[in-house]
Amino acid sequence: MKYTASLVKLDLDERISARRKDALARGIPVADDETLNFLLLMLQVTQPKKILEIGTAIGLSGVSMLLQCPDAKLTTIELEEDRYLEAKQNFVDFDVSTRVNSYLGDAGEILAMMDGEYDFIFLDGPKAQYEKYLFDLKRLMKKGSILFSDDVLLYGWVSGEEETPQKRHSIVDKIRSYLEVLTADHDFITSVLNVGDGVALSVYAPKNNQ
């Protein structure tokens, strides 16, 4: 039996739940309940110290991750300025702003300029760009780091469970290509899970022990 998001009971601050509901009403993408619950479960188990997020939106996933991991710091990237600014305010409102480094701009350009190592990466930006980001994401990981790629089954289109609308063939092809590259990379141990709209969970386990 596959439990649906309606059966997932998220243990969230009531203010976060209210703002998530408001964001959805405004057409702003937020992780669905099932995905967010699984994300927070992984964070509870791993308790990373340095988290990287691609796709801040209005910061609610970022806030949730930081509340789940009180010793963690978050670096997060958002392309759209209005969402970036709203996220900054949400970080202040939930008293986590001192643990956040926010970037406004194209993730591909910003990632190329970044260095350091992250324990956990939440990839939830433009789906068509996932494969483009992978080189730099891998460069920013260390042995044991986790890459959590969201929306990789995209309404069942990627897996073929649902017929892909004609105008969505391009993005589906790009996500399939990303999954092929990711799962073929022997430096990662990857499982693609039917959680939410699909999650690829990858552990960085390079054979050269770097």
C-alpha atoms as a PDB file:
ATOM      1  CA  MET A   1       0.000   0.000   0.000  1.00  0.00           C
ATOM      2  CA  LYS A   2       1.290   3.459  -0.884  1.00  0.00           C
ATOM      3  CA  TYR A   3       0.354   6.017   1.729  1.00  0.00           C
ATOM      4  CA  THR A   4      -0.818   9.260   0.184  1.00  0.00           C
ATOM      5  CA  ALA A   5       0.084  12.765   1.261  1.00  0.00           C
ATOM      6  CA  SER A   6      -3.345  13.091   2.869  1.00  0.00           C
ATOM      7  CA  LEU A   7      -2.315  10.409   5.391  1.00  0.00           C
ATOM      8  CA  VAL A   8       0.963  12.123   6.261  1.00  0.00           C
ATOM      9  CA  LYS A   9       0.736  14.164   9.437  1.00  0.00           C
ATOM     10  CA  LEU A  10       3.449  16.795   9.372  1.00  0.00           C
ATOM     11  CA  ASP A  11       4.690  17.961  12.749  1.00  0.00           C
ATOM     12  CA  LEU A  12       5.174  21.603  11.771  1.00  0.00           C
ATOM     13  CA  ASP A  13       4.925  24.934  13.519  1.00  0.00           C
ATOM     14  CA  GLU A  14       1.352  26.122  12.932  1.00  0.00           C
ATOM     15  CA  ARG A  15       2.700  29.333  11.386  1.00  0.00           C
ATOM     16  CA  ILE A  16       4.647  27.339   8.802  1.00  0.00           C
ATOM     17  CA  SER A  17       1.570  25.293   7.946  1.00  0.00           C
ATOM     18  CA  ALA A  18      -0.480  28.462   7.507  1.00  0.00           C
ATOM     19  CA  ARG A  19       2.144  30.067   5.270  1.00  0.00           C
ATOM     20  CA  ARG A  20       2.473  26.884   3.203  1.00  0.00           C
ATOM     21  CA  LYS A  21      -1.284  26.928   2.634  1.00  0.00           C
ATOM     22  CA  ASP A  22      -1.153  30.607   1.672  1.00  0.00           C
ATOM     23  CA  ALA A  23       1.757  29.986  -0.713  1.00  0.00           C
ATOM     24  CA  LEU A  24      -0.159  27.236  -2.489  1.00  0.00           C
ATOM     25  CA  ALA A  25      -3.178  29.530  -2.800  1.00  0.00           C
ATOM     26  CA  ARG A  26      -0.898  32.087  -4.496  1.00  0.00           C
ATOM     27  CA  GLY A  27       0.536  29.510  -6.872  1.00  0.00           C
ATOM     28  CA  ILE A  28       3.956  29.464  -5.231  1.00  0.00           C
ATOM     29  CA  PRO A  29       5.533  26.011  -5.309  1.00  0.00           C
ATOM     30  CA  VAL A  30       6.195  24.402  -1.949  1.00  0.00           C
ATOM     31  CA  ALA A  31       7.141  20.800  -1.260  1.00  0.00           C
ATOM     32  CA  ASP A  32       4.061  18.634  -0.786  1.00  0.00           C
ATOM     33  CA  ASP A  33       3.385  17.105   2.609  1.00  0.00           C
ATOM     34  CA  GLU A  34       4.677  13.654   1.720  1.00  0.00           C
ATOM     35  CA  THR A  35       7.956  14.985   0.316  1.00  0.00           C
ATOM     36  CA  LEU A  36       8.525  17.431   3.153  1.00  0.00           C
ATOM     37  CA  ASN A  37       7.820  14.730   5.730  1.00  0.00           C
ATOM     38  CA  PHE A  38      10.395  12.439   4.101  1.00  0.00           C
ATOM     39  CA  LEU A  39      12.898  15.297   3.800  1.00  0.00           C
ATOM     40  CA  LEU A  40      12.567  16.113   7.502  1.00  0.00           C
ATOM     41  CA  LEU A  41      12.839  12.415   8.366  1.00  0.00           C
ATOM     42  CA  MET A  42      16.159  12.216   6.496  1.00  0.00           C
ATOM     43  CA  LEU A  43      17.381  15.354   8.221  1.00  0.00           C
ATOM     44  CA  GLN A  44      16.393  14.053  11.648  1.00  0.00           C
ATOM     45  CA  VAL A  45      18.374  10.881  11.016  1.00  0.00           C
ATOM     46  CA  THR A  46      21.471  12.552   9.537  1.00  0.00           C
ATOM     47  CA  GLN A  47      21.536  15.891  11.430  1.00  0.00           C
ATOM     48  CA  PRO A  48      23.731  17.679   8.862  1.00  0.00           C
ATOM     49  CA  LYS A  49      25.699  20.766   9.854  1.00  0.00           C
ATOM     50  CA  LYS A  50      25.826  22.363   6.391  1.00  0.00           C
ATOM     51  CA  ILE A  51      22.785  22.271   4.095  1.00  0.00           C
ATOM     52  CA  LEU A  52      22.612  23.551   0.515  1.00  0.00           C
ATOM     53  CA  GLU A  53      19.226  24.245  -1.075  1.00  0.00           C
ATOM     54  CA  ILE A  54      18.625  24.942  -4.761  1.00  0.00           C
ATOM     55  CA  GLY A  55      15.263  26.682  -5.074  1.00  0.00           C
ATOM     56  CA  THR A  56      14.484  28.733  -1.973  1.00  0.00           C
ATOM     57  CA  ALA A  57      10.972  29.750  -3.094  1.00  0.00           C
ATOM     58  CA  ILE A  58       9.705  31.722  -0.067  1.00  0.00           C
ATOM     59  CA  GLY A  59      11.908  29.924   2.432  1.00  0.00           C
ATOM     60  CA  LEU A  60       9.426  27.619   4.128  1.00  0.00           C
ATOM     61  CA  SER A  61      11.324  24.424   3.358  1.00  0.00           C
ATOM     62  CA  GLY A  62      14.488  26.159   4.506  1.00  0.00           C
ATOM     63  CA  VAL A  63      12.873  27.220   7.773  1.00  0.00           C
ATOM     64  CA  SER A  64      11.550  23.689   8.324  1.00  0.00           C
ATOM     65  CA  MET A  65      14.996  22.179   7.702  1.00  0.00           C
ATOM     66  CA  LEU A  66      16.691  24.554  10.124  1.00  0.00           C
ATOM     67  CA  LEU A  67      14.112  23.958  12.843  1.00  0.00           C
ATOM     68  CA  GLN A  68      14.659  20.222  12.385  1.00  0.00           C
ATOM     69  CA  CYS A  69      18.450  20.650  12.573  1.00  0.00           C
ATOM     70  CA  PRO A  70      19.178  23.268  15.262  1.00  0.00           C
ATOM     71  CA  ASP A  71      22.950  23.084  14.747  1.00  0.00           C
ATOM     72  CA  ALA A  72      22.816  23.430  10.952  1.00  0.00           C
ATOM     73  CA  LYS A  73      23.511  26.351   8.656  1.00  0.00           C
ATOM     74  CA  LEU A  74      21.732  26.773   5.323  1.00  0.00           C
ATOM     75  CA  THR A  75      22.969  28.147   2.018  1.00  0.00           C
ATOM     76  CA  THR A  76      20.056  28.669  -0.359  1.00  0.00           C
ATOM     77  CA  ILE A  77      19.677  29.971  -3.918  1.00  0.00           C
ATOM     78  CA  GLU A  78      16.615  31.561  -5.562  1.00  0.00           C
ATOM     79  CA  LEU A  79      16.215  33.030  -9.037  1.00  0.00           C
ATOM     80  CA  GLU A  80      13.108  35.190  -8.548  1.00  0.00           C
ATOM     81  CA  GLU A  81      13.627  38.366  -6.528  1.00  0.00           C
ATOM     82  CA  ASP A  82      10.130  38.624  -5.036  1.00  0.00           C
ATOM     83  CA  ARG A  83      10.385  35.099  -3.639  1.00  0.00           C
ATOM     84  CA  TYR A  84      13.936  35.725  -2.447  1.00  0.00           C
ATOM     85  CA  LEU A  85      12.801  38.811  -0.501  1.00  0.00           C
ATOM     86  CA  GLU A  86       9.804  37.026   1.009  1.00  0.00           C
ATOM     87  CA  ALA A  87      12.075  34.163   2.042  1.00  0.00           C
ATOM     88  CA  LYS A  88      14.443  36.584   3.755  1.00  0.00           C
ATOM     89  CA  GLN A  89      11.514  37.893   5.796  1.00  0.00           C
ATOM     90  CA  ASN A  90      10.383  34.375   6.681  1.00  0.00           C
ATOM     91  CA  PHE A  91      13.880  33.555   7.917  1.00  0.00           C
ATOM     92  CA  VAL A  92      13.669  36.604  10.186  1.00  0.00           C
ATOM     93  CA  ASP A  93      10.136  35.784  11.344  1.00  0.00           C
ATOM     94  CA  PHE A  94      11.149  32.274  12.401  1.00  0.00           C
ATOM     95  CA  ASP A  95      14.363  33.471  14.039  1.00  0.00           C
ATOM     96  CA  VAL A  96      16.726  31.477  11.812  1.00  0.00           C
ATOM     97  CA  SER A  97      18.165  34.307   9.692  1.00  0.00           C
ATOM     98  CA  THR A  98      21.565  34.183  11.424  1.00  0.00           C
ATOM     99  CA  ARG A  99      21.943  30.607  10.168  1.00  0.00           C
ATOM    100  CA  VAL A 100      21.084  31.386   6.530  1.00  0.00           C
ATOM    101  CA  ASN A 101      23.188  32.552   3.617  1.00  0.00           C
ATOM    102  CA  SER A 102      20.800  33.489   0.779  1.00  0.00           C
ATOM    103  CA  TYR A 103      21.790  34.039  -2.833  1.00  0.00           C
ATOM    104  CA  LEU A 104      19.679  35.718  -5.509  1.00  0.00           C
ATOM    105  CA  GLY A 105      20.450  34.608  -9.039  1.00  0.00           C
ATOM    106  CA  ASP A 106      20.891  31.727 -11.438  1.00  0.00           C
ATOM    107  CA  ALA A 107      21.882  28.600  -9.531  1.00  0.00           C
ATOM    108  CA  GLY A 108      24.096  27.359 -12.334  1.00  0.00           C
ATOM    109  CA  GLU A 109      26.197  30.518 -12.237  1.00  0.00           C
ATOM    110  CA  ILE A 110      26.305  30.714  -8.442  1.00  0.00           C
ATOM    111  CA  LEU A 111      27.184  27.052  -7.913  1.00  0.00           C
ATOM    112  CA  ALA A 112      30.143  27.382 -10.282  1.00  0.00           C
ATOM    113  CA  MET A 113      31.608  30.061  -7.998  1.00  0.00           C
ATOM    114  CA  MET A 114      31.020  28.220  -4.723  1.00  0.00           C
ATOM    115  CA  ASP A 115      33.450  26.105  -2.752  1.00  0.00           C
ATOM    116  CA  GLY A 116      33.357  24.174   0.503  1.00  0.00           C
ATOM    117  CA  GLU A 117      31.596  20.930   1.413  1.00  0.00           C
ATOM    118  CA  TYR A 118      27.953  20.331   2.265  1.00  0.00           C
ATOM    119  CA  ASP A 119      26.534  17.431   4.239  1.00  0.00           C
ATOM    120  CA  PHE A 120      23.061  17.587   2.674  1.00  0.00           C
ATOM    121  CA  ILE A 121      21.792  19.085  -0.593  1.00  0.00           C
ATOM    122  CA  PHE A 122      18.092  19.671  -1.294  1.00  0.00           C
ATOM    123  CA  LEU A 123      17.715  20.038  -5.062  1.00  0.00           C
ATOM    124  CA  ASP A 124      14.336  21.613  -5.792  1.00  0.00           C
ATOM    125  CA  GLY A 125      15.071  24.246  -8.440  1.00  0.00           C
ATOM    126  CA  PRO A 126      14.277  24.267 -12.177  1.00  0.00           C
ATOM    127  CA  LYS A 127      13.913  20.591 -13.080  1.00  0.00           C
ATOM    128  CA  ALA A 128      15.300  21.012 -16.592  1.00  0.00           C
ATOM    129  CA  GLN A 129      18.588  22.234 -15.088  1.00  0.00           C
ATOM    130  CA  TYR A 130      19.232  19.342 -12.688  1.00  0.00           C
ATOM    131  CA  GLU A 131      21.784  17.630 -14.930  1.00  0.00           C
ATOM    132  CA  LYS A 132      23.547  20.944 -15.544  1.00  0.00           C
ATOM    133  CA  TYR A 133      23.920  21.458 -11.781  1.00  0.00           C
ATOM    134  CA  LEU A 134      25.205  17.965 -11.036  1.00  0.00           C
ATOM    135  CA  PHE A 135      28.906  18.569 -11.739  1.00  0.00           C
ATOM    136  CA  ASP A 136      29.114  21.411  -9.216  1.00  0.00           C
ATOM    137  CA  LEU A 137      26.832  19.724  -6.689  1.00  0.00           C
ATOM    138  CA  LYS A 138      29.108  16.691  -6.705  1.00  0.00           C
ATOM    139  CA  ARG A 139      32.144  18.954  -6.317  1.00  0.00           C
ATOM    140  CA  LEU A 140      30.538  20.459  -3.202  1.00  0.00           C
ATOM    141  CA  MET A 141      29.945  17.082  -1.530  1.00  0.00           C
ATOM    142  CA  LYS A 142      32.134  14.881   0.647  1.00  0.00           C
ATOM    143  CA  LYS A 143      31.985  11.192   1.368  1.00  0.00           C
ATOM    144  CA  GLY A 144      28.667  10.439   3.053  1.00  0.00           C
ATOM    145  CA  SER A 145      26.923  13.616   1.846  1.00  0.00           C
ATOM    146  CA  ILE A 146      23.323  13.235   0.711  1.00  0.00           C
ATOM    147  CA  LEU A 147      21.736  14.645  -2.448  1.00  0.00           C
ATOM    148  CA  PHE A 148      17.933  14.814  -2.220  1.00  0.00           C
ATOM    149  CA  SER A 149      16.526  15.534  -5.708  1.00  0.00           C
ATOM    150  CA  ASP A 150      12.832  16.417  -5.712  1.00  0.00           C
ATOM    151  CA  ASP A 151      10.126  16.005  -8.388  1.00  0.00           C
ATOM    152  CA  VAL A 152      12.066  13.488 -10.477  1.00  0.00           C
ATOM    153  CA  LEU A 153       8.978  11.490 -11.515  1.00  0.00           C
ATOM    154  CA  LEU A 154       6.901  14.599 -12.280  1.00  0.00           C
ATOM    155  CA  TYR A 155       3.260  13.508 -12.048  1.00  0.00           C
ATOM    156  CA  GLY A 156       4.164  10.030 -13.282  1.00  0.00           C
ATOM    157  CA  TRP A 157       5.292  11.357 -16.673  1.00  0.00           C
ATOM    158  CA  VAL A 158       8.958  10.458 -16.198  1.00  0.00           C
ATOM    159  CA  SER A 159       8.202   6.897 -15.105  1.00  0.00           C
ATOM    160  CA  GLY A 160       5.655   6.443 -17.881  1.00  0.00           C
ATOM    161  CA  GLU A 161       2.802   5.796 -15.453  1.00  0.00           C
ATOM    162  CA  GLU A 162       0.969   8.769 -16.926  1.00  0.00           C
ATOM    163  CA  GLU A 163       1.005  10.007 -20.507  1.00  0.00           C
ATOM    164  CA  THR A 164       3.208  13.069 -20.954  1.00  0.00           C
ATOM    165  CA  PRO A 165       1.446  16.130 -22.410  1.00  0.00           C
ATOM    166  CA  GLN A 166       2.992  17.153 -25.708  1.00  0.00           C
ATOM    167  CA  LYS A 167       4.339  20.449 -24.364  1.00  0.00           C
ATOM    168  CA  ARG A 168       6.066  18.660 -21.464  1.00  0.00           C
ATOM    169  CA  HIS A 169       8.148  16.188 -23.473  1.00  0.00           C
ATOM    170  CA  SER A 170      11.269  18.364 -23.321  1.00  0.00           C
ATOM    171  CA  ILE A 171      11.386  18.648 -19.523  1.00  0.00           C
ATOM    172  CA  VAL A 172      10.548  14.959 -19.106  1.00  0.00           C
ATOM    173  CA  ASP A 173      13.419  14.031 -21.421  1.00  0.00           C
ATOM    174  CA  LYS A 174      15.786  16.235 -19.393  1.00  0.00           C
ATOM    175  CA  ILE A 175      14.741  14.692 -16.079  1.00  0.00           C
ATOM    176  CA  ARG A 176      15.134  11.196 -17.537  1.00  0.00           C
ATOM    177  CA  SER A 177      18.614  12.161 -18.724  1.00  0.00           C
ATOM    178  CA  TYR A 178      19.455  13.472 -15.243  1.00  0.00           C
ATOM    179  CA  LEU A 179      18.325  10.219 -13.637  1.00  0.00           C
ATOM    180  CA  GLU A 180      20.310   8.164 -16.140  1.00  0.00           C
ATOM    181  CA  VAL A 181      23.484  10.152 -15.436  1.00  0.00           C
ATOM    182  CA  LEU A 182      22.925  10.127 -11.670  1.00  0.00           C
ATOM    183  CA  THR A 183      22.185   6.414 -11.365  1.00  0.00           C
ATOM    184  CA  ALA A 184      25.084   5.515 -13.684  1.00  0.00           C
ATOM    185  CA  ASP A 185      27.575   7.498 -11.594  1.00  0.00           C
ATOM    186  CA  HIS A 186      29.449   4.948  -9.489  1.00  0.00           C
ATOM    187  CA  ASP A 187      30.390   7.643  -6.964  1.00  0.00           C
ATOM    188  CA  PHE A 188      26.743   7.715  -5.871  1.00  0.00           C
ATOM    189  CA  ILE A 189      24.456   5.128  -4.327  1.00  0.00           C
ATOM    190  CA  THR A 190      21.033   6.209  -5.583  1.00  0.00           C
ATOM    191  CA  SER A 191      17.450   5.095  -5.108  1.00  0.00           C
ATOM    192  CA  VAL A 192      14.521   6.667  -6.955  1.00  0.00           C
ATOM    193  CA  LEU A 193      11.525   6.629  -4.642  1.00  0.00           C
ATOM    194  CA  ASN A 194       7.834   7.085  -5.307  1.00  0.00           C
ATOM    195  CA  VAL A 195       7.499   9.813  -2.687  1.00  0.00           C
ATOM    196  CA  GLY A 196       5.479  12.887  -3.612  1.00  0.00           C
ATOM    197  CA  ASP A 197       6.311  13.589  -7.254  1.00  0.00           C
ATOM    198  CA  GLY A 198       9.371  11.386  -6.998  1.00  0.00           C
ATOM    199  CA  VAL A 199      12.587  11.688  -5.007  1.00  0.00           C
ATOM    200  CA  ALA A 200      16.064  10.563  -6.025  1.00  0.00           C
ATOM    201  CA  LEU A 201      18.017   9.940  -2.831  1.00  0.00           C
ATOM    202  CA  SER A 202      21.763   9.723  -3.450  1.00  0.00           C
ATOM    203  CA  VAL A 203      24.615   9.121  -1.032  1.00  0.00           C
ATOM    204  CA  TYR A 204      28.049  10.261  -2.183  1.00  0.00           C
ATOM    205  CA  ALA A 205      30.318   7.252  -1.768  1.00  0.00           C
ATOM    206  CA  PRO A 206      33.378   7.716  -4.006  1.00  0.00           C
ATOM    207  CA  LYS A 207      35.471   4.613  -4.460  1.00  0.00           C
ATOM    208  CA  ASN A 208      38.700   6.589  -3.977  1.00  0.00           C
ATOM    209  CA  ASN A 209      37.569   7.572  -0.452  1.00  0.00           C
ATOM    210  CA  GLN A 210      37.968  11.294  -1.187  1.00  0.00           C
END
